[in-house]
């Protein structure tokens, strides 16, 4: 089954679950302080992806996907 291109998909390797969270991050060696890159996460992978970014000092915010989308309106 091919996922709907409008459906946000988890960024974890091999995961095809619908994303419920946005993990906002930046690499201070590469990005300006205000720049935010994003990874999407399903419920199952939110903690793992957050820890991966957090250990490196990259994680800036974890927000429910619906709230993140509302920021852009």
N, C-alpha and C. Protein backbone atom coordinates (compact mmCIF):
# COMPACT_ATOMS: atom_id res chain seq x y z
N UNK A 1 0.84 -1.18 0.00
CA UNK A 1 0.00 0.00 0.00
C UNK A 1 0.89 1.24 0.00
N UNK A 2 0.63 2.16 -0.90
CA UNK A 2 1.37 3.41 -0.99
C UNK A 2 0.70 4.44 -0.09
N UNK A 3 1.47 5.09 0.83
CA UNK A 3 0.86 6.09 1.71
C UNK A 3 0.42 7.32 0.93
N UNK A 4 -0.59 7.98 1.43
CA UNK A 4 -1.08 9.23 0.87
C UNK A 4 0.04 10.26 0.99
N UNK A 5 0.42 10.96 -0.08
CA UNK A 5 1.52 11.92 -0.01
C UNK A 5 1.23 13.09 0.95
N UNK A 6 -0.03 13.29 1.30
CA UNK A 6 -0.41 14.35 2.24
C UNK A 6 -0.29 13.90 3.69
N UNK A 7 -0.12 12.61 3.93
CA UNK A 7 -0.02 12.08 5.28
C UNK A 7 1.41 12.18 5.77
N UNK A 8 1.62 12.85 6.91
CA UNK A 8 3.00 12.95 7.43
C UNK A 8 3.47 11.59 7.95
N UNK A 9 4.68 11.19 7.56
CA UNK A 9 5.23 9.87 7.90
C UNK A 9 6.41 10.05 8.86
N UNK A 10 6.51 9.15 9.81
CA UNK A 10 7.59 9.15 10.79
C UNK A 10 8.95 9.12 10.09
N UNK A 11 9.91 9.85 10.65
CA UNK A 11 11.26 9.93 10.10
C UNK A 11 12.17 8.78 10.51
N UNK A 12 11.72 7.93 11.44
CA UNK A 12 12.55 6.80 11.87
C UNK A 12 12.78 5.85 10.69
N UNK A 13 14.00 5.35 10.58
CA UNK A 13 14.37 4.48 9.47
C UNK A 13 13.43 3.27 9.37
N UNK A 14 12.83 3.10 8.21
CA UNK A 14 11.96 1.96 7.94
C UNK A 14 10.54 2.09 8.46
N UNK A 15 10.24 3.14 9.21
CA UNK A 15 8.89 3.31 9.77
C UNK A 15 8.00 3.99 8.74
N UNK A 16 6.80 3.50 8.60
CA UNK A 16 5.82 4.09 7.68
C UNK A 16 4.58 4.56 8.42
N UNK A 17 4.68 4.67 9.75
CA UNK A 17 3.53 5.08 10.57
C UNK A 17 3.27 6.59 10.40
N UNK A 18 2.05 6.98 10.64
CA UNK A 18 1.67 8.38 10.59
C UNK A 18 2.36 9.13 11.72
N UNK A 19 2.92 10.27 11.40
CA UNK A 19 3.61 11.08 12.41
C UNK A 19 2.61 11.80 13.30
N UNK A 20 2.90 11.83 14.59
CA UNK A 20 2.07 12.53 15.55
C UNK A 20 2.84 13.69 16.20
N UNK A 21 4.15 13.72 16.02
CA UNK A 21 5.03 14.70 16.68
C UNK A 21 5.99 15.34 15.69
N UNK A 22 6.35 16.57 15.97
CA UNK A 22 7.40 17.27 15.24
C UNK A 22 8.55 17.51 16.21
N UNK A 23 9.74 17.09 15.84
CA UNK A 23 10.94 17.33 16.63
C UNK A 23 11.73 18.42 15.92
N UNK A 24 11.78 19.59 16.53
CA UNK A 24 12.49 20.72 15.94
C UNK A 24 13.91 20.72 16.48
N UNK A 25 14.89 20.88 15.59
CA UNK A 25 16.28 20.78 16.00
C UNK A 25 17.14 21.67 15.12
N UNK A 26 18.37 21.89 15.58
CA UNK A 26 19.38 22.48 14.72
C UNK A 26 20.75 22.06 15.21
N UNK A 27 21.68 22.04 14.28
CA UNK A 27 23.08 21.73 14.58
C UNK A 27 23.79 23.06 14.67
N UNK A 28 24.20 23.48 15.88
CA UNK A 28 24.79 24.81 16.03
C UNK A 28 26.10 25.00 15.26
N UNK A 29 26.73 23.92 14.85
CA UNK A 29 27.95 24.05 14.05
C UNK A 29 27.64 24.37 12.59
N UNK A 30 26.39 24.13 12.19
CA UNK A 30 26.01 24.29 10.79
C UNK A 30 24.94 25.38 10.60
N UNK A 31 23.99 25.45 11.54
CA UNK A 31 22.83 26.33 11.38
C UNK A 31 22.90 27.56 12.29
N UNK A 32 22.28 28.64 11.84
CA UNK A 32 22.13 29.82 12.69
C UNK A 32 21.21 29.46 13.86
N UNK A 33 21.32 30.15 15.00
CA UNK A 33 20.53 29.78 16.19
C UNK A 33 19.02 29.74 15.98
N UNK A 34 18.48 30.58 15.12
CA UNK A 34 17.03 30.61 14.92
C UNK A 34 16.53 29.55 13.92
N UNK A 35 17.42 28.96 13.16
CA UNK A 35 17.04 27.95 12.15
C UNK A 35 16.52 26.69 12.83
N UNK A 36 15.43 26.14 12.31
CA UNK A 36 14.88 24.89 12.82
C UNK A 36 14.67 23.90 11.68
N UNK A 37 15.33 22.77 11.80
CA UNK A 37 15.09 21.62 10.93
C UNK A 37 14.04 20.78 11.65
N UNK A 38 13.37 19.89 10.95
CA UNK A 38 12.36 19.07 11.61
C UNK A 38 12.47 17.61 11.21
N UNK A 39 12.20 16.78 12.19
CA UNK A 39 11.96 15.36 11.97
C UNK A 39 10.55 15.11 12.45
N UNK A 40 9.89 14.16 11.83
CA UNK A 40 8.55 13.75 12.26
C UNK A 40 8.66 12.42 12.99
N UNK A 41 7.79 12.22 13.98
CA UNK A 41 7.85 10.98 14.76
C UNK A 41 6.45 10.47 15.06
N UNK A 42 6.33 9.15 14.99
CA UNK A 42 5.11 8.49 15.46
C UNK A 42 5.24 8.34 16.98
N UNK A 43 4.18 7.87 17.62
CA UNK A 43 4.22 7.67 19.07
C UNK A 43 5.35 6.73 19.47
N UNK A 44 5.53 5.66 18.71
CA UNK A 44 6.52 4.64 19.05
C UNK A 44 7.96 5.16 18.99
N UNK A 45 8.25 6.06 18.07
CA UNK A 45 9.63 6.50 17.86
C UNK A 45 9.95 7.89 18.43
N UNK A 46 8.98 8.57 19.01
CA UNK A 46 9.22 9.92 19.52
C UNK A 46 10.36 9.95 20.52
N UNK A 47 10.35 9.07 21.50
CA UNK A 47 11.38 9.08 22.54
C UNK A 47 12.76 8.75 21.96
N UNK A 48 12.83 7.74 21.12
CA UNK A 48 14.11 7.35 20.52
C UNK A 48 14.72 8.48 19.70
N UNK A 49 13.93 9.09 18.83
CA UNK A 49 14.44 10.18 18.01
C UNK A 49 14.80 11.40 18.86
N UNK A 50 14.01 11.66 19.89
CA UNK A 50 14.30 12.78 20.81
C UNK A 50 15.63 12.56 21.52
N UNK A 51 15.86 11.34 21.97
CA UNK A 51 17.12 11.03 22.66
C UNK A 51 18.30 11.16 21.70
N UNK A 52 18.14 10.68 20.48
CA UNK A 52 19.20 10.77 19.48
C UNK A 52 19.63 12.23 19.28
N UNK A 53 18.66 13.12 19.10
CA UNK A 53 18.96 14.53 18.90
C UNK A 53 19.43 15.19 20.19
N UNK A 54 18.83 14.80 21.31
CA UNK A 54 19.16 15.40 22.60
C UNK A 54 20.59 15.13 23.04
N UNK A 55 21.06 13.92 22.85
CA UNK A 55 22.43 13.56 23.24
C UNK A 55 23.44 14.43 22.50
N UNK A 56 23.11 14.83 21.30
CA UNK A 56 24.00 15.65 20.49
C UNK A 56 23.84 17.15 20.74
N UNK A 57 22.84 17.49 21.58
CA UNK A 57 22.57 18.90 21.86
C UNK A 57 21.82 19.61 20.75
N UNK A 58 21.18 18.84 19.88
CA UNK A 58 20.48 19.42 18.73
C UNK A 58 19.00 19.70 19.00
N UNK A 59 18.34 18.94 19.87
CA UNK A 59 16.90 19.03 20.06
C UNK A 59 16.51 20.36 20.69
N UNK A 60 15.57 21.05 20.07
CA UNK A 60 15.11 22.35 20.57
C UNK A 60 13.68 22.30 21.07
N UNK A 61 12.83 21.46 20.45
CA UNK A 61 11.41 21.44 20.82
C UNK A 61 10.76 20.17 20.30
N UNK A 62 9.78 19.67 21.05
CA UNK A 62 8.95 18.55 20.62
C UNK A 62 7.51 19.01 20.74
N UNK A 63 6.80 19.01 19.62
CA UNK A 63 5.46 19.59 19.55
C UNK A 63 4.52 18.62 18.85
N UNK A 64 3.27 18.49 19.35
CA UNK A 64 2.31 17.68 18.60
C UNK A 64 2.16 18.21 17.16
N UNK A 65 2.03 17.31 16.22
CA UNK A 65 2.00 17.69 14.81
C UNK A 65 0.93 18.74 14.53
N UNK A 66 -0.24 18.59 15.09
CA UNK A 66 -1.33 19.56 14.86
C UNK A 66 -0.98 20.96 15.32
N UNK A 67 -0.28 21.08 16.45
CA UNK A 67 0.13 22.38 16.94
C UNK A 67 1.17 23.01 16.02
N UNK A 68 2.09 22.19 15.52
CA UNK A 68 3.14 22.69 14.61
C UNK A 68 2.50 23.22 13.33
N UNK A 69 1.55 22.47 12.80
CA UNK A 69 0.85 22.91 11.59
C UNK A 69 0.11 24.21 11.83
N UNK A 70 -0.48 24.38 13.01
CA UNK A 70 -1.24 25.59 13.32
C UNK A 70 -0.32 26.82 13.39
N UNK A 71 0.96 26.63 13.72
CA UNK A 71 1.92 27.75 13.77
C UNK A 71 2.11 28.37 12.41
N UNK A 72 1.97 27.57 11.35
CA UNK A 72 2.22 28.05 9.99
C UNK A 72 1.03 28.80 9.40
N UNK A 73 -0.09 28.80 10.09
CA UNK A 73 -1.30 29.44 9.53
C UNK A 73 -1.27 30.92 9.78
